[in-house]
């Protein structure tokens, strides 16, 4: 029984640490003049959480991050928080984080030894985030989906590739460290 309690405590601690990392680096952002959506480091925190926790527990961590931000703590890009972030122009991207976590996590958990499939997981996960973000941005800003995609996705692809490559390189090391008993 003691080892089960230790395992639960250890898992909860890892979830809390990953959530804290998202809350610390998520607000760091670079505004883009043509878009209401800044470049944020939140995705990097999500990538690391997926590697450290696997997709099921990373999902809990991401949901906690979104909950913490939605109640008003300034953990979203630009040190902002509140429900208005969820219903504002960036809300679709926050929702997209959930699908990013599930998709990327599935590929990392199932195919961690197959680098091609892991890369595919990054591409599909980020694509899901872009789709939800663009659709919501289009709705919120009363612009076409194509216009929303042009201002809400295209400018972010280079930074997202850099973050993905960083996580692809560092993530397996995080996974190994987090699995040390």
N, C-alpha and C. Protein backbone atom coordinates (compact mmCIF):
# COMPACT_ATOMS: atom_id res chain seq x y z
N UNK A 1 0.82 -1.20 0.00
CA UNK A 1 0.00 0.00 0.00
C UNK A 1 0.86 1.25 0.00
N UNK A 2 1.97 1.22 0.73
CA UNK A 2 2.86 2.37 0.79
C UNK A 2 3.41 2.74 -0.57
N UNK A 3 3.71 1.74 -1.41
CA UNK A 3 4.25 2.04 -2.73
C UNK A 3 3.19 2.65 -3.64
N UNK A 4 1.90 2.27 -3.46
CA UNK A 4 0.83 2.88 -4.24
C UNK A 4 0.67 4.35 -3.88
N UNK A 5 0.74 4.65 -2.60
CA UNK A 5 0.64 6.03 -2.15
C UNK A 5 1.82 6.82 -2.69
N UNK A 6 3.01 6.23 -2.63
CA UNK A 6 4.20 6.89 -3.16
C UNK A 6 4.04 7.18 -4.65
N UNK A 7 3.50 6.21 -5.41
CA UNK A 7 3.31 6.37 -6.84
C UNK A 7 2.30 7.49 -7.12
N UNK A 8 1.20 7.52 -6.38
CA UNK A 8 0.20 8.58 -6.57
C UNK A 8 0.78 9.94 -6.23
N UNK A 9 1.52 10.02 -5.13
CA UNK A 9 2.14 11.29 -4.73
C UNK A 9 3.13 11.73 -5.78
N UNK A 10 3.90 10.81 -6.28
CA UNK A 10 4.90 11.11 -7.31
C UNK A 10 4.22 11.60 -8.59
N UNK A 11 3.15 10.96 -9.00
CA UNK A 11 2.42 11.36 -10.20
C UNK A 11 1.80 12.74 -10.03
N UNK A 12 1.15 12.96 -8.90
CA UNK A 12 0.54 14.27 -8.64
C UNK A 12 1.60 15.38 -8.61
N UNK A 13 2.75 15.07 -8.05
CA UNK A 13 3.84 16.04 -8.00
C UNK A 13 4.32 16.38 -9.40
N UNK A 14 4.47 15.36 -10.25
CA UNK A 14 4.91 15.59 -11.63
C UNK A 14 3.87 16.41 -12.41
N UNK A 15 2.59 16.13 -12.19
CA UNK A 15 1.53 16.91 -12.84
C UNK A 15 1.63 18.37 -12.39
N UNK A 16 1.78 18.57 -11.09
CA UNK A 16 1.88 19.93 -10.55
C UNK A 16 3.10 20.66 -11.10
N UNK A 17 4.22 19.97 -11.19
CA UNK A 17 5.44 20.60 -11.72
C UNK A 17 5.28 20.98 -13.19
N UNK A 18 4.69 20.10 -13.97
CA UNK A 18 4.48 20.41 -15.39
C UNK A 18 3.50 21.58 -15.55
N UNK A 19 2.47 21.61 -14.74
CA UNK A 19 1.53 22.73 -14.77
C UNK A 19 2.24 24.02 -14.39
N UNK A 20 3.09 23.95 -13.39
CA UNK A 20 3.85 25.13 -12.96
C UNK A 20 4.75 25.63 -14.09
N UNK A 21 5.39 24.71 -14.79
CA UNK A 21 6.25 25.12 -15.91
C UNK A 21 5.41 25.85 -16.97
N UNK A 22 4.24 25.32 -17.30
CA UNK A 22 3.37 25.99 -18.27
C UNK A 22 2.97 27.38 -17.77
N UNK A 23 2.66 27.47 -16.47
CA UNK A 23 2.25 28.75 -15.89
C UNK A 23 3.40 29.76 -15.88
N UNK A 24 4.62 29.28 -15.79
CA UNK A 24 5.78 30.18 -15.76
C UNK A 24 6.18 30.62 -17.17
N UNK A 25 6.23 29.68 -18.12
CA UNK A 25 6.70 30.07 -19.45
C UNK A 25 5.56 30.48 -20.39
N UNK A 26 4.33 30.08 -20.09
CA UNK A 26 3.18 30.42 -20.94
C UNK A 26 2.98 31.91 -21.15
N UNK A 27 3.15 32.73 -20.13
CA UNK A 27 2.96 34.17 -20.32
C UNK A 27 4.02 34.85 -21.19
N UNK A 28 5.17 34.20 -21.32
CA UNK A 28 6.25 34.79 -22.12
C UNK A 28 5.81 34.74 -23.59
N UNK A 29 5.69 35.91 -24.18
CA UNK A 29 5.17 35.95 -25.54
C UNK A 29 5.75 37.13 -26.31
N UNK A 30 5.65 37.01 -27.61
CA UNK A 30 6.10 38.07 -28.52
C UNK A 30 4.90 38.46 -29.37
N UNK A 31 4.46 39.73 -29.24
CA UNK A 31 3.31 40.15 -30.06
C UNK A 31 3.70 40.22 -31.54
N UNK A 32 2.74 39.96 -32.38
CA UNK A 32 2.91 40.08 -33.83
C UNK A 32 1.96 41.18 -34.29
N UNK A 33 2.49 42.20 -34.97
CA UNK A 33 1.65 43.35 -35.35
C UNK A 33 0.41 43.00 -36.20
N UNK A 34 0.48 41.94 -37.00
CA UNK A 34 -0.65 41.65 -37.89
C UNK A 34 -1.69 40.73 -37.27
N UNK A 35 -1.50 40.35 -36.01
CA UNK A 35 -2.40 39.36 -35.41
C UNK A 35 -2.67 39.66 -33.94
N UNK A 36 -3.88 39.35 -33.47
CA UNK A 36 -4.16 39.49 -32.05
C UNK A 36 -3.58 38.34 -31.23
N UNK A 37 -2.97 37.37 -31.91
CA UNK A 37 -2.43 36.19 -31.26
C UNK A 37 -0.90 36.31 -31.20
N UNK A 38 -0.32 36.38 -30.01
CA UNK A 38 1.15 36.47 -29.92
C UNK A 38 1.82 35.10 -30.03
N UNK A 39 3.11 35.10 -30.30
CA UNK A 39 3.89 33.87 -30.21
C UNK A 39 4.11 33.62 -28.72
N UNK A 40 3.78 32.43 -28.27
CA UNK A 40 3.84 32.09 -26.85
C UNK A 40 4.71 30.86 -26.63
N UNK A 41 5.25 30.75 -25.44
CA UNK A 41 6.03 29.56 -25.08
C UNK A 41 5.16 28.47 -24.45
N UNK A 42 3.86 28.71 -24.35
CA UNK A 42 2.98 27.72 -23.71
C UNK A 42 3.09 26.35 -24.37
N UNK A 43 3.17 26.33 -25.70
CA UNK A 43 3.26 25.05 -26.39
C UNK A 43 4.51 24.27 -25.98
N UNK A 44 5.60 24.96 -25.76
CA UNK A 44 6.83 24.29 -25.33
C UNK A 44 6.59 23.59 -23.99
N UNK A 45 5.89 24.25 -23.09
CA UNK A 45 5.54 23.63 -21.81
C UNK A 45 4.66 22.40 -22.00
N UNK A 46 3.75 22.48 -22.96
CA UNK A 46 2.88 21.33 -23.26
C UNK A 46 3.71 20.18 -23.80
N UNK A 47 4.60 20.48 -24.72
CA UNK A 47 5.46 19.42 -25.29
C UNK A 47 6.23 18.71 -24.18
N UNK A 48 6.83 19.49 -23.29
CA UNK A 48 7.61 18.89 -22.20
C UNK A 48 6.72 18.07 -21.27
N UNK A 49 5.51 18.56 -21.00
CA UNK A 49 4.57 17.81 -20.14
C UNK A 49 4.21 16.47 -20.77
N UNK A 50 4.01 16.46 -22.08
CA UNK A 50 3.67 15.21 -22.76
C UNK A 50 4.82 14.22 -22.62
N UNK A 51 6.04 14.68 -22.80
CA UNK A 51 7.17 13.78 -22.65
C UNK A 51 7.32 13.29 -21.20
N UNK A 52 7.14 14.20 -20.25
CA UNK A 52 7.35 13.85 -18.85
C UNK A 52 6.25 12.98 -18.27
N UNK A 53 5.01 13.18 -18.74
CA UNK A 53 3.86 12.57 -18.09
C UNK A 53 3.12 11.52 -18.93
N UNK A 54 3.30 11.54 -20.24
CA UNK A 54 2.43 10.76 -21.10
C UNK A 54 1.15 11.55 -21.33
N UNK A 55 0.39 11.17 -22.35
CA UNK A 55 -0.72 12.04 -22.75
C UNK A 55 -1.84 12.12 -21.71
N UNK A 56 -2.10 11.06 -20.96
CA UNK A 56 -3.22 11.11 -20.00
C UNK A 56 -2.96 12.11 -18.89
N UNK A 57 -1.79 12.04 -18.28
CA UNK A 57 -1.49 12.96 -17.19
C UNK A 57 -1.12 14.35 -17.72
N UNK A 58 -0.55 14.41 -18.93
CA UNK A 58 -0.28 15.73 -19.53
C UNK A 58 -1.59 16.45 -19.79
N UNK A 59 -2.62 15.71 -20.18
CA UNK A 59 -3.92 16.33 -20.40
C UNK A 59 -4.44 16.96 -19.11
N UNK A 60 -4.27 16.28 -18.00
CA UNK A 60 -4.68 16.85 -16.70
C UNK A 60 -3.89 18.13 -16.44
N UNK A 61 -2.61 18.10 -16.72
CA UNK A 61 -1.77 19.28 -16.51
C UNK A 61 -2.22 20.46 -17.38
N UNK A 62 -2.52 20.19 -18.65
CA UNK A 62 -2.97 21.25 -19.56
C UNK A 62 -4.33 21.79 -19.11
N UNK A 63 -5.22 20.91 -18.70
CA UNK A 63 -6.53 21.37 -18.21
C UNK A 63 -6.38 22.22 -16.96
N UNK A 64 -5.46 21.84 -16.08
CA UNK A 64 -5.19 22.67 -14.89
C UNK A 64 -4.65 24.04 -15.29
N UNK A 65 -3.73 24.06 -16.25
CA UNK A 65 -3.18 25.33 -16.76
C UNK A 65 -4.31 26.22 -17.28
N UNK A 66 -5.19 25.66 -18.08
CA UNK A 66 -6.30 26.44 -18.63
C UNK A 66 -7.24 26.90 -17.52
N UNK A 67 -7.51 26.04 -16.54
CA UNK A 67 -8.36 26.41 -15.41
C UNK A 67 -7.72 27.55 -14.60
N UNK A 68 -6.44 27.43 -14.31
CA UNK A 68 -5.74 28.46 -13.55
C UNK A 68 -5.82 29.80 -14.28
N UNK A 69 -5.60 29.77 -15.59
CA UNK A 69 -5.70 31.00 -16.37
C UNK A 69 -7.11 31.53 -16.45
N UNK A 70 -8.08 30.65 -16.56
CA UNK A 70 -9.47 31.10 -16.72
C UNK A 70 -10.02 31.73 -15.44
N UNK A 71 -9.48 31.36 -14.28
CA UNK A 71 -9.97 31.99 -13.04
C UNK A 71 -9.30 33.34 -12.79
N UNK A 72 -8.39 33.72 -13.69
CA UNK A 72 -7.85 35.07 -13.61
C UNK A 72 -6.37 35.20 -13.33
N UNK A 73 -5.70 34.11 -13.01
CA UNK A 73 -4.26 34.23 -12.79
C UNK A 73 -3.57 34.48 -14.13
N UNK A 74 -2.59 35.36 -14.16
CA UNK A 74 -1.98 35.80 -15.42
C UNK A 74 -0.98 34.79 -16.00
N UNK A 75 -1.47 33.64 -16.43
CA UNK A 75 -0.60 32.59 -16.93
C UNK A 75 -0.68 32.42 -18.45
N UNK A 76 -1.60 33.13 -19.09
CA UNK A 76 -1.71 33.06 -20.53
C UNK A 76 -0.76 34.07 -21.16
N UNK A 77 -0.63 34.03 -22.46
CA UNK A 77 0.32 34.90 -23.15
C UNK A 77 0.13 36.36 -22.74
N UNK A 78 1.25 37.05 -22.64
CA UNK A 78 1.22 38.46 -22.25
C UNK A 78 0.86 38.69 -20.80
N UNK A 79 1.01 37.67 -19.96
CA UNK A 79 0.67 37.76 -18.53
C UNK A 79 -0.79 38.16 -18.34
N UNK A 80 -1.66 37.50 -19.09
CA UNK A 80 -3.09 37.75 -19.02
C UNK A 80 -3.79 36.52 -18.45
N UNK A 81 -4.99 36.71 -17.97
CA UNK A 81 -5.80 35.62 -17.46
C UNK A 81 -7.25 36.02 -17.49
N UNK A 82 -8.12 35.09 -17.15
CA UNK A 82 -9.54 35.37 -17.09
C UNK A 82 -10.32 34.65 -18.17
N UNK A 83 -11.61 34.52 -17.94
CA UNK A 83 -12.49 33.84 -18.88
C UNK A 83 -12.49 34.55 -20.23
N UNK A 84 -12.28 35.88 -20.21
CA UNK A 84 -12.27 36.62 -21.48
C UNK A 84 -11.20 36.11 -22.43
N UNK A 85 -10.16 35.49 -21.92
CA UNK A 85 -9.12 34.89 -22.77
C UNK A 85 -9.66 33.65 -23.47
N UNK A 86 -10.55 32.93 -22.80
CA UNK A 86 -11.13 31.74 -23.41
C UNK A 86 -12.17 32.08 -24.47
N UNK A 87 -12.87 33.17 -24.26
CA UNK A 87 -13.91 33.54 -25.22
C UNK A 87 -13.43 34.60 -26.21
N UNK A 88 -12.23 35.13 -26.00
CA UNK A 88 -11.66 36.12 -26.90
C UNK A 88 -11.00 35.46 -28.11
N UNK A 89 -10.28 36.25 -28.91
CA UNK A 89 -9.68 35.74 -30.15
C UNK A 89 -8.71 34.58 -29.97
N UNK A 90 -8.08 34.48 -28.80
CA UNK A 90 -7.09 33.40 -28.60
C UNK A 90 -7.70 32.14 -27.98
N UNK A 91 -8.97 32.17 -27.68
CA UNK A 91 -9.62 31.03 -27.01
C UNK A 91 -9.55 29.73 -27.79
N UNK A 92 -9.64 29.80 -29.09
CA UNK A 92 -9.57 28.59 -29.90
C UNK A 92 -8.22 27.90 -29.81
N UNK A 93 -7.18 28.69 -29.64
CA UNK A 93 -5.85 28.11 -29.50
C UNK A 93 -5.71 27.43 -28.14
N UNK A 94 -6.30 28.02 -27.11
CA UNK A 94 -6.29 27.39 -25.79
C UNK A 94 -7.04 26.06 -25.84
N UNK A 95 -8.18 26.03 -26.51
CA UNK A 95 -8.90 24.77 -26.70
C UNK A 95 -8.05 23.81 -27.53
N UNK A 96 -7.38 24.35 -28.54
CA UNK A 96 -6.50 23.54 -29.38
C UNK A 96 -5.38 22.87 -28.60
N UNK A 97 -4.96 23.50 -27.49
CA UNK A 97 -3.91 22.89 -26.65
C UNK A 97 -4.34 21.50 -26.16
N UNK A 98 -5.62 21.33 -25.92
CA UNK A 98 -6.13 20.04 -25.45
C UNK A 98 -5.90 18.98 -26.53
N UNK A 99 -6.25 19.31 -27.75
CA UNK A 99 -6.10 18.36 -28.85
C UNK A 99 -4.63 18.16 -29.22
N UNK A 100 -3.85 19.22 -29.11
CA UNK A 100 -2.40 19.10 -29.30
C UNK A 100 -1.83 18.08 -28.32
N UNK A 101 -2.23 18.18 -27.08
CA UNK A 101 -1.75 17.27 -26.04
C UNK A 101 -2.15 15.83 -26.34
N UNK A 102 -3.39 15.63 -26.69
CA UNK A 102 -3.88 14.28 -26.97
C UNK A 102 -3.20 13.65 -28.19
N UNK A 103 -3.10 14.42 -29.25
CA UNK A 103 -2.53 13.88 -30.49
C UNK A 103 -1.03 13.64 -30.33
N UNK A 104 -0.30 14.66 -29.90
CA UNK A 104 1.15 14.50 -29.73
C UNK A 104 1.44 13.42 -28.70
N UNK A 105 0.71 13.43 -27.62
CA UNK A 105 0.91 12.44 -26.57
C UNK A 105 0.69 11.03 -27.05
N UNK A 106 -0.34 10.84 -27.86
CA UNK A 106 -0.60 9.51 -28.41
C UNK A 106 0.61 9.03 -29.23
N UNK A 107 1.11 9.88 -30.09
CA UNK A 107 2.23 9.49 -30.94
C UNK A 107 3.51 9.25 -30.13
N UNK A 108 3.75 10.07 -29.13
CA UNK A 108 4.95 9.87 -28.31
C UNK A 108 4.80 8.61 -27.46
N UNK A 109 3.63 8.41 -26.87
CA UNK A 109 3.42 7.22 -26.03
C UNK A 109 3.46 5.93 -26.84
N UNK A 110 2.88 5.93 -28.01
CA UNK A 110 2.75 4.71 -28.80
C UNK A 110 3.97 4.44 -29.69
N UNK A 111 4.58 5.51 -30.18
CA UNK A 111 5.65 5.34 -31.18
C UNK A 111 6.95 6.04 -30.79
N UNK A 112 7.27 6.10 -29.52
CA UNK A 112 8.42 6.89 -29.09
C UNK A 112 9.73 6.48 -29.76
N UNK A 113 9.85 5.24 -30.19
CA UNK A 113 11.08 4.78 -30.85
C UNK A 113 11.08 5.08 -32.35
N UNK A 114 9.96 5.48 -32.89
CA UNK A 114 9.87 5.80 -34.31
C UNK A 114 9.85 7.32 -34.47
N UNK A 115 11.00 7.89 -34.77
CA UNK A 115 11.14 9.35 -34.85
C UNK A 115 10.19 9.96 -35.89
N UNK A 116 9.98 9.23 -37.00
CA UNK A 116 9.07 9.74 -38.03
C UNK A 116 7.65 9.91 -37.52
N UNK A 117 7.18 8.94 -36.76
CA UNK A 117 5.83 9.04 -36.20
C UNK A 117 5.74 10.13 -35.13
N UNK A 118 6.80 10.30 -34.36
CA UNK A 118 6.80 11.37 -33.36
C UNK A 118 6.73 12.73 -34.06
N UNK A 119 7.49 12.89 -35.13
CA UNK A 119 7.43 14.14 -35.91
C UNK A 119 6.02 14.33 -36.47
N UNK A 120 5.42 13.25 -36.98
CA UNK A 120 4.05 13.32 -37.45
C UNK A 120 3.11 13.77 -36.33
N UNK A 121 3.34 13.30 -35.11
CA UNK A 121 2.54 13.72 -33.97
C UNK A 121 2.64 15.22 -33.72
N UNK A 122 3.86 15.77 -33.83
CA UNK A 122 4.03 17.23 -33.69
C UNK A 122 3.25 17.95 -34.78
N UNK A 123 3.35 17.48 -36.01
CA UNK A 123 2.67 18.14 -37.14
C UNK A 123 1.15 18.07 -36.96
N UNK A 124 0.63 16.90 -36.68
CA UNK A 124 -0.82 16.75 -36.53
C UNK A 124 -1.35 17.48 -35.30
N UNK A 125 -0.62 17.41 -34.20
CA UNK A 125 -1.04 18.11 -32.98
C UNK A 125 -1.09 19.62 -33.16
N UNK A 126 -0.03 20.16 -33.76
CA UNK A 126 -0.02 21.60 -34.02
C UNK A 126 -1.08 21.98 -35.04
N UNK A 127 -1.31 21.13 -36.03
CA UNK A 127 -2.35 21.40 -37.02
C UNK A 127 -3.72 21.48 -36.37
N UNK A 128 -4.00 20.58 -35.44
CA UNK A 128 -5.28 20.62 -34.72
C UNK A 128 -5.41 21.93 -33.95
N UNK A 129 -4.33 22.35 -33.33
CA UNK A 129 -4.35 23.61 -32.58
C UNK A 129 -4.61 24.78 -33.54
N UNK A 130 -3.96 24.77 -34.70
CA UNK A 130 -4.19 25.82 -35.71
C UNK A 130 -5.64 25.82 -36.20
N UNK A 131 -6.19 24.65 -36.41
CA UNK A 131 -7.57 24.57 -36.92
C UNK A 131 -8.55 25.16 -35.91
N UNK A 132 -8.47 24.71 -34.66
CA UNK A 132 -9.38 25.27 -33.64
C UNK A 132 -9.14 26.77 -33.45
N UNK A 133 -7.88 27.16 -33.42
CA UNK A 133 -7.56 28.57 -33.25
C UNK A 133 -8.08 29.42 -34.39
N UNK A 134 -7.87 28.97 -35.62
CA UNK A 134 -8.31 29.74 -36.80
C UNK A 134 -9.83 29.84 -36.88
N UNK A 135 -10.50 28.74 -36.61
CA UNK A 135 -11.96 28.77 -36.66
C UNK A 135 -12.51 29.76 -35.63
N UNK A 136 -11.97 29.70 -34.42
CA UNK A 136 -12.46 30.59 -33.37
C UNK A 136 -12.07 32.05 -33.65
N UNK A 137 -10.85 32.26 -34.14
CA UNK A 137 -10.40 33.61 -34.49
C UNK A 137 -11.29 34.19 -35.59
N UNK A 138 -11.65 33.37 -36.57
CA UNK A 138 -12.54 33.79 -37.64
C UNK A 138 -13.89 34.22 -37.09
N UNK A 139 -14.44 33.40 -36.21
CA UNK A 139 -15.73 33.70 -35.59
C UNK A 139 -15.66 34.96 -34.75
N UNK A 140 -14.65 35.06 -33.89
CA UNK A 140 -14.53 36.19 -32.97
C UNK A 140 -14.22 37.52 -33.68
N UNK A 141 -13.44 37.44 -34.72
CA UNK A 141 -13.01 38.66 -35.41
C UNK A 141 -13.86 38.97 -36.62
N UNK A 142 -14.85 38.12 -36.91
CA UNK A 142 -15.73 38.31 -38.05
C UNK A 142 -14.94 38.46 -39.35
N UNK A 143 -14.01 37.52 -39.54
CA UNK A 143 -13.21 37.49 -40.77
C UNK A 143 -13.33 36.08 -41.36
N UNK A 144 -12.90 35.94 -42.58
CA UNK A 144 -12.98 34.62 -43.21
C UNK A 144 -12.01 33.66 -42.53
N UNK A 145 -12.29 32.38 -42.67
CA UNK A 145 -11.41 31.36 -42.10
C UNK A 145 -10.03 31.45 -42.74
N UNK A 146 -9.99 31.73 -44.03
CA UNK A 146 -8.69 31.86 -44.72
C UNK A 146 -7.91 33.04 -44.15
N UNK A 147 -8.57 34.17 -43.94
CA UNK A 147 -7.90 35.33 -43.33
C UNK A 147 -7.41 35.00 -41.93
N UNK A 148 -8.24 34.30 -41.16
CA UNK A 148 -7.86 33.91 -39.80
C UNK A 148 -6.65 32.98 -39.84
N UNK A 149 -6.64 32.06 -40.80
CA UNK A 149 -5.50 31.16 -40.95
C UNK A 149 -4.25 31.95 -41.32
N UNK A 150 -4.40 32.92 -42.20
CA UNK A 150 -3.24 33.72 -42.64
C UNK A 150 -2.64 34.54 -41.50
N UNK A 151 -3.48 35.08 -40.62
CA UNK A 151 -2.93 35.90 -39.53
C UNK A 151 -2.74 35.13 -38.23
N UNK A 152 -3.41 33.98 -38.11
CA UNK A 152 -3.35 33.23 -36.87
C UNK A 152 -2.53 31.97 -36.91
N UNK A 153 -2.03 31.62 -38.09
CA UNK A 153 -1.22 30.39 -38.19
C UNK A 153 0.09 30.60 -38.93
N UNK A 154 0.00 31.11 -40.14
CA UNK A 154 1.18 31.21 -41.00
C UNK A 154 2.36 31.91 -40.31
N UNK A 155 2.15 33.05 -39.64
CA UNK A 155 3.31 33.72 -39.00
C UNK A 155 3.93 32.92 -37.85
N UNK A 156 3.21 31.92 -37.34
CA UNK A 156 3.65 31.17 -36.16
C UNK A 156 4.40 29.89 -36.50
N UNK A 157 4.29 29.46 -37.73
CA UNK A 157 4.87 28.18 -38.11
C UNK A 157 6.38 28.13 -37.85
N UNK A 158 7.17 29.14 -38.23
CA UNK A 158 8.62 29.05 -37.94
C UNK A 158 8.93 28.90 -36.44
N UNK A 159 8.26 29.68 -35.59
CA UNK A 159 8.51 29.58 -34.14
C UNK A 159 8.04 28.23 -33.61
N UNK A 160 6.92 27.73 -34.12
CA UNK A 160 6.42 26.43 -33.67
C UNK A 160 7.34 25.29 -34.11
N UNK A 161 7.95 25.45 -35.27
CA UNK A 161 8.93 24.44 -35.71
C UNK A 161 10.14 24.45 -34.76
N UNK A 162 10.60 25.63 -34.40
CA UNK A 162 11.75 25.74 -33.48
C UNK A 162 11.40 25.11 -32.13
N UNK A 163 10.22 25.42 -31.60
CA UNK A 163 9.80 24.84 -30.32
C UNK A 163 9.67 23.32 -30.43
N UNK A 164 9.13 22.86 -31.55
CA UNK A 164 8.97 21.41 -31.74
C UNK A 164 10.32 20.71 -31.81
N UNK A 165 11.28 21.30 -32.52
CA UNK A 165 12.62 20.71 -32.63
C UNK A 165 13.28 20.67 -31.25
N UNK A 166 13.14 21.76 -30.50
CA UNK A 166 13.70 21.78 -29.13
C UNK A 166 13.11 20.64 -28.30
N UNK A 167 11.79 20.49 -28.35
CA UNK A 167 11.13 19.44 -27.56
C UNK A 167 11.51 18.05 -28.08
N UNK A 168 11.64 17.91 -29.38
CA UNK A 168 12.02 16.63 -29.98
C UNK A 168 13.40 16.18 -29.50
N UNK A 169 14.28 17.16 -29.31
CA UNK A 169 15.64 16.86 -28.85
C UNK A 169 15.70 16.68 -27.33
N UNK A 170 15.06 17.60 -26.60
CA UNK A 170 15.15 17.60 -25.14
C UNK A 170 14.12 16.66 -24.51
N UNK A 171 12.97 16.49 -25.14
CA UNK A 171 11.88 15.70 -24.58
C UNK A 171 12.24 14.30 -24.13
N UNK A 172 12.96 13.52 -24.96
CA UNK A 172 13.32 12.18 -24.50
C UNK A 172 14.19 12.19 -23.23
N UNK A 173 15.01 13.20 -23.08
CA UNK A 173 15.83 13.32 -21.86
C UNK A 173 14.93 13.61 -20.66
N UNK A 174 13.92 14.47 -20.88
CA UNK A 174 12.95 14.76 -19.82
C UNK A 174 12.19 13.48 -19.45
N UNK A 175 11.81 12.71 -20.45
CA UNK A 175 11.09 11.47 -20.20
C UNK A 175 11.94 10.51 -19.37
N UNK A 176 13.21 10.38 -19.71
CA UNK A 176 14.11 9.49 -18.96
C UNK A 176 14.28 9.96 -17.52
N UNK A 177 14.46 11.25 -17.33
CA UNK A 177 14.63 11.80 -15.98
C UNK A 177 13.35 11.62 -15.17
N UNK A 178 12.20 11.86 -15.79
CA UNK A 178 10.94 11.77 -15.04
C UNK A 178 10.58 10.33 -14.67
N UNK A 179 11.19 9.37 -15.36
CA UNK A 179 10.90 7.96 -15.04
C UNK A 179 11.85 7.37 -14.01
N UNK A 180 12.81 8.15 -13.56
CA UNK A 180 13.73 7.66 -12.52
C UNK A 180 12.96 7.47 -11.22
N UNK A 181 13.11 6.34 -10.63
CA UNK A 181 12.37 6.04 -9.40
C UNK A 181 13.07 6.60 -8.19
